[in-house]
Amino acid sequence: MAHYETDEPIYALATPFSPSALAVIRASGDGVLSLLQPYFSTDLIKARSQQALHGYIKGKDGKRIDEVVLIKYSKGHGYTSEEAFEIMCHGSLPVIRSISLLLEGIGIREALRGEFTYRAFMHGRMDLTEAEAVEEIVKAKTVRGAGEALERLSGTILEEADKAKDSILNILASLEVQLDYGEDEIPEEWVFPSSEVRKITDRLEAIAATYASSRLWSEGASVVIAGRTNAGKSSLYNALLKENRAIVSPVEGTTRDYIETDAVIGGIPVHLYDTAGFRDTDESVEAEGIRRTEELMDKADLIVYVIDPSSSDIAPSDNRVLTVYSRLDINRREAALSFSSVTGEGLDRVIEAISSRLTADLEETAGVPTIDSERQHDKLMEAAAALRDAEKSISFGLDVTAMYLQSALTSLGELTGEVTGEDVLDRLFSSFCLGK
């Protein structure tokens, strides 16, 4: 488990460690500018914040390591809100190593995963939902997924949480006035604001309901192409990828193990599998391939079951199964979803059908900010449940109702990070990529 310290200067390579035209090395922490100044040819201290400075990084022996552009950030201005700098150097591996060793040698340690964003959160630069959106942008597999994450980074979830908290606090304040009086001193009977609470609850549940949709667009779905041997599975796999990735042969049992790749089908990111075909066999390797096919089907979000129209094969009874007939150019089945790998006919309908099945159970999200975090989903549902319990608890006494309203506030505080344990933060940020 990662454990973050905020009193040490840190650095990290923010670009891949591979030969490239440019590389970016970032550092953050109190005193990092003074630590680097003796090894940089341009005056860092007098330069204004966010100024790009051209100069040379020098080693402890005074020899130049590389010609670079450095951006300075004064305290309160950079990503972490700490004193910081970013070095844009040549993407030579020896150069990257030399600069990294220099930084470590002058007292700037290598950062842990997510440590820069952790510091940004701890210094109030962003709330926890915005911090999660940073990594969601990095990991997004489609333009839509990245766009939704960018909206969250702008604070849409924080704004919704703050609105809900303000409303709940007003209700709680009016309730606690009643609790402050004795039974004989209550000025007037307190009436639970059902319509207002239900409006808050419905809004929180609507945001939580976007989780499945947002997760699909950002992380994708598992799609398994299955069927009997020689049914046309590999032909469909190649057609969907628009390249010859799988071996296609009239010989049965050609595919003995599954192959997989990432693809985008109908705008949706998918992890696509071509699998060993089903048939009775005594051959141990092929039998193992069939067993693995069944294992993949058990875990799949969607099973595209391919059938040769000349066979008597029947697709499995499973609501995750989409039945597709092959060889449309030879054997045309009216009203059936079919394709031809030779002419390409019907492939667009297969793609549309896959997309429709993957999105069939997703709710519309118009006018509602989306989430892509199971943690956020759970906290929203906890808050909504507490509000529903608050309404049900009226007959048990106002102090019980107040307890449920306070519980809803706590869940919303945990959503944005106002109330969060150190272990939760360590677990969350340790999943980030290096340099973030």
Protein backbone atom coordinates (compact mmCIF):
# COMPACT_ATOMS: atom_id res chain seq x y z
CA MET A 1 0.00 0.00 0.00
CA ALA A 2 1.39 3.42 -0.95
CA HIS A 3 1.96 5.92 1.85
CA TYR A 4 2.30 9.53 0.85
CA GLU A 5 4.31 12.24 2.59
CA THR A 6 3.78 15.90 1.71
CA ASP A 7 6.87 17.32 3.41
CA GLU A 8 9.37 15.93 0.88
CA PRO A 9 10.13 17.26 -2.61
CA ILE A 10 9.27 14.72 -5.32
CA TYR A 11 9.88 14.20 -9.04
CA ALA A 12 8.61 11.89 -11.77
CA LEU A 13 8.92 11.28 -15.48
CA ALA A 14 5.53 12.37 -16.86
CA THR A 15 6.09 10.86 -20.32
CA PRO A 16 6.87 7.22 -21.27
CA PHE A 17 10.38 5.98 -20.61
CA SER A 18 11.24 5.35 -24.24
CA PRO A 19 13.24 7.17 -26.94
CA SER A 20 11.29 10.18 -28.19
CA ALA A 21 11.68 13.73 -29.40
CA LEU A 22 10.87 15.20 -25.98
CA ALA A 23 10.42 14.03 -22.41
CA VAL A 24 8.84 15.83 -19.47
CA ILE A 25 10.14 15.53 -15.92
CA ARG A 26 8.13 17.28 -13.23
CA ALA A 27 9.03 18.09 -9.62
CA SER A 28 7.06 19.52 -6.71
CA GLY A 29 7.60 20.47 -3.07
CA ASP A 30 8.85 23.24 -0.87
CA GLY A 31 12.33 24.36 -1.90
CA VAL A 32 12.59 22.48 -5.22
CA LEU A 33 13.54 25.65 -7.11
CA SER A 34 16.39 26.44 -4.72
CA LEU A 35 17.56 22.82 -4.86
CA LEU A 36 17.76 22.89 -8.67
CA GLN A 37 19.10 26.44 -9.11
CA PRO A 38 22.84 25.56 -8.79
CA TYR A 39 22.39 23.05 -11.63
CA PHE A 40 20.40 25.22 -14.04
CA SER A 41 22.01 27.95 -16.15
CA THR A 42 19.10 30.43 -15.90
CA ASP A 43 17.91 32.29 -12.79
CA LEU A 44 14.90 30.37 -11.44
CA ILE A 45 14.33 32.45 -8.34
CA LYS A 46 13.79 35.82 -10.05
CA ALA A 47 11.69 34.42 -12.91
CA ARG A 48 7.94 34.89 -12.68
CA SER A 49 5.60 31.98 -12.10
CA GLN A 50 4.56 29.94 -15.16
CA GLN A 51 7.40 31.43 -17.18
CA ALA A 52 9.16 29.16 -19.68
CA LEU A 53 12.93 29.39 -19.26
CA HIS A 54 15.52 28.19 -21.74
CA GLY A 55 18.79 26.87 -20.31
CA TYR A 56 21.08 23.95 -19.56
CA ILE A 57 20.79 21.31 -16.87
CA LYS A 58 24.25 20.65 -15.43
CA GLY A 59 25.57 17.75 -13.41
CA LYS A 60 27.39 18.07 -10.09
CA ASP A 61 30.64 18.08 -12.03
CA GLY A 62 29.50 21.23 -13.86
CA LYS A 63 29.16 19.48 -17.24
CA ARG A 64 26.02 20.08 -19.26
CA ILE A 65 23.52 17.22 -19.28
CA ASP A 66 21.02 18.67 -21.75
CA GLU A 67 19.57 21.83 -23.26
CA VAL A 68 16.03 22.18 -21.90
CA VAL A 69 12.98 24.37 -21.48
CA LEU A 70 11.87 24.65 -17.86
CA ILE A 71 8.54 26.02 -16.62
CA LYS A 72 8.61 27.46 -13.11
CA TYR A 73 5.60 27.41 -10.76
CA SER A 74 5.61 29.51 -7.62
CA LYS A 75 3.74 28.25 -4.56
CA GLY A 76 -0.02 28.39 -5.13
CA HIS A 77 0.16 28.41 -8.94
CA GLY A 78 1.02 24.90 -10.17
CA TYR A 79 -0.82 21.60 -10.39
CA THR A 80 -0.09 20.64 -6.78
CA SER A 81 -0.27 24.22 -5.42
CA GLU A 82 3.31 23.70 -4.22
CA GLU A 83 6.50 25.23 -5.54
CA ALA A 84 7.23 23.21 -8.68
CA PHE A 85 8.92 22.96 -12.07
CA GLU A 86 8.59 20.94 -15.27
CA ILE A 87 11.62 20.17 -17.41
CA MET A 88 11.13 19.53 -21.12
CA CYS A 89 14.30 17.76 -22.25
CA HIS A 90 15.30 15.60 -25.21
CA GLY A 91 13.76 12.15 -25.04
CA SER A 92 17.08 10.34 -24.93
CA LEU A 93 17.14 7.56 -22.33
CA PRO A 94 20.64 8.49 -21.07
CA VAL A 95 19.50 12.13 -20.71
CA ILE A 96 16.37 11.12 -18.78
CA ARG A 97 18.44 8.89 -16.49
CA SER A 98 21.06 11.57 -15.90
CA ILE A 99 18.50 14.24 -14.96
CA SER A 100 16.65 11.76 -12.73
CA LEU A 101 19.86 10.81 -10.93
CA LEU A 102 20.72 14.49 -10.49
CA LEU A 103 17.33 15.24 -8.92
CA GLU A 104 17.67 12.30 -6.54
CA GLY A 105 21.21 13.39 -5.71
CA ILE A 106 20.08 16.87 -4.64
CA GLY A 107 17.32 15.59 -2.37
CA ILE A 108 14.27 15.23 -4.62
CA ARG A 109 12.91 11.69 -4.36
CA GLU A 110 11.01 9.77 -7.03
CA ALA A 111 7.24 10.15 -6.63
CA LEU A 112 4.84 7.31 -5.99
CA ARG A 113 1.88 6.64 -8.27
CA GLY A 114 -0.70 9.41 -7.98
CA GLU A 115 1.40 11.44 -5.56
CA PHE A 116 1.18 14.69 -7.53
CA THR A 117 -2.62 14.49 -7.67
CA TYR A 118 -2.71 13.48 -4.00
CA ARG A 119 -0.87 16.68 -3.13
CA ALA A 120 -3.21 18.71 -5.34
CA PHE A 121 -6.13 17.22 -3.39
CA MET A 122 -4.52 17.77 0.01
CA HIS A 123 -3.78 21.41 -0.85
CA GLY A 124 -7.36 22.07 -1.95
CA ARG A 125 -6.64 22.40 -5.67
CA MET A 126 -9.35 19.82 -6.39
CA ASP A 127 -11.86 17.66 -4.56
CA LEU A 128 -11.78 13.86 -4.63
CA THR A 129 -14.18 13.54 -7.59
CA GLU A 130 -12.01 15.90 -9.65
CA ALA A 131 -8.89 13.98 -8.63
CA GLU A 132 -10.47 10.72 -9.82
CA ALA A 133 -11.37 12.43 -13.11
CA VAL A 134 -7.67 13.08 -13.78
CA GLU A 135 -6.92 9.37 -14.02
CA GLU A 136 -10.19 8.72 -15.85
CA ILE A 137 -9.06 11.11 -18.61
CA VAL A 138 -5.71 9.32 -18.87
CA LYS A 139 -7.36 5.88 -19.12
CA ALA A 140 -10.28 6.84 -21.38
CA LYS A 141 -10.49 4.73 -24.55
CA THR A 142 -12.88 6.90 -26.55
CA VAL A 143 -13.43 10.60 -27.23
CA ARG A 144 -16.76 10.41 -25.41
CA GLY A 145 -15.19 8.81 -22.34
CA ALA A 146 -12.48 11.48 -22.22
CA GLY A 147 -15.05 14.24 -22.68
CA GLU A 148 -17.20 13.00 -19.80
CA ALA A 149 -14.13 12.75 -17.56
CA LEU A 150 -13.15 16.30 -18.50
CA GLU A 151 -16.58 17.52 -17.38
CA ARG A 152 -16.04 15.84 -14.02
CA LEU A 153 -12.63 17.47 -13.77
CA SER A 154 -14.35 20.86 -14.08
CA GLY A 155 -16.25 20.13 -10.85
CA THR A 156 -19.71 19.02 -11.99
CA ILE A 157 -20.01 16.31 -9.31
CA LEU A 158 -18.69 18.64 -6.60
CA GLU A 159 -21.27 21.23 -7.62
CA GLU A 160 -24.10 18.68 -7.39
CA ALA A 161 -22.89 17.45 -4.00
CA ASP A 162 -22.66 20.99 -2.64
CA LYS A 163 -26.20 21.80 -3.78
CA ALA A 164 -27.54 18.66 -2.11
CA LYS A 165 -25.61 19.38 1.10
CA ASP A 166 -26.89 22.96 1.27
CA SER A 167 -30.48 21.77 0.95
CA ILE A 168 -30.02 19.03 3.56
CA LEU A 169 -28.30 21.45 5.96
CA ASN A 170 -31.23 23.86 5.71
CA ILE A 171 -33.66 21.04 6.49
CA LEU A 172 -31.49 19.83 9.37
CA ALA A 173 -31.20 23.35 10.77
CA SER A 174 -34.98 23.78 10.88
CA LEU A 175 -35.30 20.35 12.49
CA GLU A 176 -32.70 21.06 15.17
CA VAL A 177 -34.58 24.21 16.18
CA GLN A 178 -37.39 21.86 17.20
CA LEU A 179 -34.98 19.61 19.09
CA ASP A 180 -33.65 22.59 21.04
CA TYR A 181 -37.07 23.25 22.57
CA GLY A 182 -38.74 21.19 25.27
CA GLU A 183 -41.90 19.27 24.37
CA ASP A 184 -44.10 22.03 25.84
CA GLU A 185 -42.13 24.85 24.21
CA ILE A 186 -42.24 23.81 20.52
CA PRO A 187 -43.56 26.87 18.67
CA GLU A 188 -45.21 24.87 15.91
CA GLU A 189 -45.29 21.33 14.61
CA TRP A 190 -42.41 20.50 12.25
CA VAL A 191 -43.46 18.98 8.93
CA PHE A 192 -41.02 16.81 7.02
CA PRO A 193 -40.35 18.46 3.59
CA SER A 194 -41.12 15.35 1.57
CA SER A 195 -41.16 16.91 -1.91
CA GLU A 196 -37.83 18.67 -1.38
CA VAL A 197 -36.13 15.57 0.01
CA ARG A 198 -37.49 13.38 -2.78
CA LYS A 199 -36.22 15.88 -5.34
CA ILE A 200 -32.72 15.67 -3.82
CA THR A 201 -32.93 11.88 -3.62
CA ASP A 202 -34.08 11.49 -7.23
CA ARG A 203 -31.25 13.72 -8.43
CA LEU A 204 -28.60 11.76 -6.52
CA GLU A 205 -29.97 8.44 -7.81
CA ALA A 206 -30.09 9.78 -11.38
CA ILE A 207 -26.39 10.70 -11.18
CA ALA A 208 -25.57 7.29 -9.68
CA ALA A 209 -27.45 5.59 -12.53
CA THR A 210 -24.99 7.04 -15.07
CA TYR A 211 -22.24 4.80 -13.69
CA ALA A 212 -22.97 1.86 -16.00
CA SER A 213 -23.13 4.05 -19.10
CA SER A 214 -20.04 6.07 -18.30
CA ARG A 215 -18.06 2.97 -17.41
CA LEU A 216 -19.01 1.39 -20.75
CA TRP A 217 -17.78 4.39 -22.74
CA SER A 218 -14.56 4.77 -20.76
CA GLU A 219 -13.51 1.18 -20.01
CA GLY A 220 -15.43 -0.80 -22.61
CA ALA A 221 -17.10 -4.20 -22.71
CA SER A 222 -15.98 -7.80 -23.12
CA VAL A 223 -17.33 -9.24 -26.39
CA VAL A 224 -16.75 -12.94 -27.16
CA ILE A 225 -17.27 -14.38 -30.65
CA ALA A 226 -18.28 -18.03 -30.24
CA GLY A 227 -19.88 -20.87 -32.21
CA ARG A 228 -19.18 -24.25 -33.69
CA THR A 229 -16.01 -24.99 -35.65
CA ASN A 230 -15.85 -23.52 -39.15
CA ALA A 231 -18.93 -21.35 -38.57
CA GLY A 232 -17.20 -18.12 -39.63
CA LYS A 233 -16.10 -16.78 -36.24
CA SER A 234 -12.60 -15.80 -37.31
CA SER A 235 -13.95 -14.22 -40.50
CA LEU A 236 -16.24 -12.01 -38.42
CA TYR A 237 -13.39 -11.21 -36.01
CA ASN A 238 -11.20 -10.06 -38.91
CA ALA A 239 -14.06 -8.13 -40.51
CA LEU A 240 -14.79 -6.22 -37.30
CA LEU A 241 -11.10 -5.36 -36.91
CA LYS A 242 -10.66 -4.64 -40.64
CA GLU A 243 -7.46 -6.68 -40.65
CA ASN A 244 -6.42 -10.32 -40.87
CA ARG A 245 -5.64 -11.07 -37.24
CA ALA A 246 -7.17 -14.55 -37.02
CA ILE A 247 -6.33 -17.49 -39.31
CA VAL A 248 -9.26 -18.39 -41.56
CA SER A 249 -9.30 -21.94 -42.95
CA PRO A 250 -11.89 -24.49 -44.12
CA VAL A 251 -10.16 -26.99 -41.82
CA GLU A 252 -12.18 -27.49 -38.64
CA GLY A 253 -10.45 -26.73 -35.34
CA THR A 254 -8.02 -24.16 -36.81
CA THR A 255 -8.47 -21.87 -33.76
CA ARG A 256 -7.36 -23.90 -30.76
CA ASP A 257 -7.01 -21.07 -28.27
CA TYR A 258 -8.62 -17.66 -28.05
CA ILE A 259 -7.03 -14.51 -29.41
CA GLU A 260 -7.94 -11.07 -28.18
CA THR A 261 -7.53 -7.42 -28.98
CA ASP A 262 -8.93 -4.00 -28.12
CA ALA A 263 -11.23 -2.44 -30.70
CA VAL A 264 -13.94 0.19 -31.07
CA ILE A 265 -17.30 -1.08 -32.37
CA GLY A 266 -20.04 1.43 -32.98
CA GLY A 267 -18.06 3.98 -30.99
CA ILE A 268 -17.87 1.67 -27.96
CA PRO A 269 -14.49 0.38 -26.74
CA VAL A 270 -14.54 -3.42 -26.56
CA HIS A 271 -12.14 -6.20 -25.70
CA LEU A 272 -12.86 -8.61 -28.57
CA TYR A 273 -12.19 -12.35 -28.41
CA ASP A 274 -12.08 -14.94 -31.19
CA THR A 275 -12.42 -18.40 -29.67
CA ALA A 276 -11.97 -22.09 -30.33
CA GLY A 277 -15.06 -23.59 -31.99
CA PHE A 278 -17.29 -26.11 -30.31
CA ARG A 279 -17.25 -29.75 -31.45
CA ASP A 280 -16.70 -33.21 -29.98
CA THR A 281 -12.98 -33.95 -29.91
CA ASP A 282 -10.53 -36.31 -28.27
CA GLU A 283 -7.60 -34.00 -28.99
CA SER A 284 -6.42 -32.61 -25.62
CA VAL A 285 -5.18 -29.22 -26.87
CA GLU A 286 -8.40 -28.48 -28.77
CA ALA A 287 -10.46 -29.64 -25.78
CA GLU A 288 -8.58 -27.20 -23.56
CA GLY A 289 -9.29 -24.43 -26.07
CA ILE A 290 -13.02 -25.24 -25.91
CA ARG A 291 -12.90 -25.16 -22.11
CA ARG A 292 -11.32 -21.69 -22.24
CA THR A 293 -14.01 -20.57 -24.68
CA GLU A 294 -16.69 -21.59 -22.17
CA GLU A 295 -14.83 -19.76 -19.42
CA LEU A 296 -14.69 -16.55 -21.49
CA MET A 297 -18.39 -16.83 -22.32
CA ASP A 298 -19.24 -17.02 -18.61
CA LYS A 299 -17.52 -13.66 -18.02
CA ALA A 300 -18.53 -11.88 -21.25
CA ASP A 301 -20.73 -8.79 -21.41
CA LEU A 302 -21.91 -9.93 -24.86
CA ILE A 303 -21.59 -13.23 -26.74
CA VAL A 304 -21.77 -13.00 -30.52
CA TYR A 305 -22.73 -16.54 -31.48
CA VAL A 306 -21.96 -17.26 -35.15
CA ILE A 307 -23.93 -19.97 -36.98
CA ASP A 308 -23.36 -21.46 -40.42
CA PRO A 309 -26.84 -21.19 -42.02
CA SER A 310 -26.44 -24.63 -43.61
CA SER A 311 -26.00 -26.27 -40.20
CA SER A 312 -28.57 -27.27 -37.58
CA ASP A 313 -26.73 -25.41 -34.84
CA ILE A 314 -28.77 -23.45 -32.29
CA ALA A 315 -27.46 -20.57 -30.19
CA PRO A 316 -27.34 -20.99 -26.40
CA SER A 317 -30.26 -19.64 -24.39
CA ASP A 318 -28.71 -16.63 -22.68
CA ASN A 319 -29.82 -12.99 -22.69
CA ARG A 320 -26.22 -12.02 -23.42
CA VAL A 321 -26.23 -13.91 -26.73
CA LEU A 322 -26.52 -12.13 -30.08
CA THR A 323 -27.07 -14.68 -32.86
CA VAL A 324 -25.37 -13.91 -36.17
CA TYR A 325 -25.47 -16.04 -39.34
CA SER A 326 -22.46 -16.19 -41.64
CA ARG A 327 -22.07 -16.72 -45.40
CA LEU A 328 -24.82 -14.30 -46.42
CA ASP A 329 -23.47 -14.36 -50.00
CA ILE A 330 -24.21 -18.12 -50.24
CA ASN A 331 -27.19 -18.75 -48.00
CA ARG A 332 -29.53 -15.83 -47.35
CA ARG A 333 -31.85 -16.03 -44.35
CA GLU A 334 -34.63 -13.48 -44.39
CA ALA A 335 -35.17 -11.47 -41.21
CA ALA A 336 -32.03 -12.97 -39.64
CA LEU A 337 -28.95 -10.98 -38.67
CA SER A 338 -26.40 -12.15 -41.23
CA PHE A 339 -23.11 -11.09 -42.79
CA SER A 340 -20.75 -12.06 -45.57
CA SER A 341 -17.01 -11.90 -44.99
CA VAL A 342 -16.53 -12.10 -48.79
CA THR A 343 -18.68 -9.14 -49.87
CA GLY A 344 -18.94 -7.30 -46.55
CA GLU A 345 -22.73 -7.23 -46.84
CA GLY A 346 -24.53 -7.13 -43.52
CA LEU A 347 -21.48 -6.20 -41.48
CA ASP A 348 -22.84 -2.71 -40.75
CA ARG A 349 -26.01 -4.30 -39.34
CA VAL A 350 -23.94 -6.62 -37.15
CA ILE A 351 -21.97 -3.64 -35.79
CA GLU A 352 -25.21 -1.75 -35.12
CA ALA A 353 -26.68 -4.78 -33.37
CA ILE A 354 -23.61 -5.19 -31.13
CA SER A 355 -23.73 -1.51 -30.21
CA SER A 356 -27.47 -1.64 -29.52
CA ARG A 357 -27.18 -4.70 -27.28
CA LEU A 358 -24.33 -3.21 -25.25
CA THR A 359 -26.27 0.02 -24.64
CA ALA A 360 -29.77 -1.50 -24.35
CA ASP A 361 -30.05 -1.31 -20.56
CA LEU A 362 -28.34 2.04 -20.12
CA GLU A 363 -30.41 4.95 -18.89
CA GLU A 364 -30.50 8.33 -20.59
CA THR A 365 -28.17 10.82 -18.92
CA ALA A 366 -29.31 14.08 -20.51
CA GLY A 367 -29.01 16.96 -18.07
CA VAL A 368 -27.22 14.83 -15.47
CA PRO A 369 -23.45 14.78 -14.85
CA THR A 370 -21.94 11.33 -15.29
CA ILE A 371 -19.71 9.30 -12.99
CA ASP A 372 -17.14 6.61 -13.76
CA SER A 373 -16.25 5.57 -10.23
CA GLU A 374 -17.74 2.71 -8.23
CA ARG A 375 -16.79 4.61 -5.07
CA GLN A 376 -18.78 7.66 -6.20
CA HIS A 377 -21.74 5.46 -7.17
CA ASP A 378 -21.76 3.84 -3.73
CA LYS A 379 -21.56 7.17 -1.85
CA LEU A 380 -24.37 8.68 -3.90
CA MET A 381 -26.58 5.65 -3.23
CA GLU A 382 -25.70 5.73 0.48
CA ALA A 383 -26.77 9.38 0.66
CA ALA A 384 -29.99 8.67 -1.24
CA ALA A 385 -30.80 5.70 1.01
CA ALA A 386 -30.23 7.80 4.12
CA LEU A 387 -32.63 10.44 2.81
CA ARG A 388 -35.30 7.83 2.11
CA ASP A 389 -34.79 6.41 5.61
CA ALA A 390 -35.12 9.92 7.04
CA GLU A 391 -38.61 10.25 5.59
CA LYS A 392 -39.62 6.82 6.92
CA SER A 393 -38.32 7.60 10.40
CA ILE A 394 -40.69 10.48 11.28
CA SER A 395 -42.82 8.27 13.53
CA PHE A 396 -39.74 7.24 15.55
CA GLY A 397 -38.91 10.79 16.63
CA LEU A 398 -37.18 13.86 15.24
CA ASP A 399 -33.82 12.87 16.72
CA VAL A 400 -33.83 9.70 14.56
CA THR A 401 -34.74 11.74 11.48
CA ALA A 402 -31.88 14.12 12.26
CA MET A 403 -29.51 11.15 12.51
CA TYR A 404 -30.45 9.96 8.99
CA LEU A 405 -30.07 13.47 7.54
CA GLN A 406 -26.63 13.73 9.14
CA SER A 407 -25.76 10.33 7.65
CA ALA A 408 -26.65 11.65 4.18
CA LEU A 409 -24.35 14.64 4.76
CA THR A 410 -21.53 12.31 5.82
CA SER A 411 -21.89 10.22 2.64
CA LEU A 412 -21.78 13.35 0.48
CA GLY A 413 -18.72 14.52 2.41
CA GLU A 414 -17.03 11.18 1.70
CA LEU A 415 -18.01 11.55 -1.96
CA THR A 416 -16.03 14.78 -2.35
CA GLY A 417 -13.27 13.89 0.09
CA GLU A 418 -14.19 16.19 2.97
CA VAL A 419 -14.53 13.10 5.15
CA THR A 420 -12.10 10.40 4.03
CA GLY A 421 -9.74 8.03 5.81
CA GLU A 422 -6.04 7.90 4.95
CA ASP A 423 -6.33 4.25 3.87
CA VAL A 424 -9.03 5.15 1.33
CA LEU A 425 -6.85 7.90 -0.15
CA ASP A 426 -3.78 5.67 -0.33
CA ARG A 427 -5.75 2.94 -2.13
CA LEU A 428 -7.37 5.40 -4.55
CA PHE A 429 -4.26 7.32 -5.60
CA SER A 430 -1.98 4.28 -5.80
CA SER A 431 -3.94 3.15 -8.89
CA PHE A 432 -2.87 6.30 -10.79
CA CYS A 433 -0.18 6.28 -13.45
CA LEU A 434 3.30 7.54 -12.63
CA GLY A 435 3.74 11.29 -13.03
CA LYS A 436 0.15 12.04 -12.02
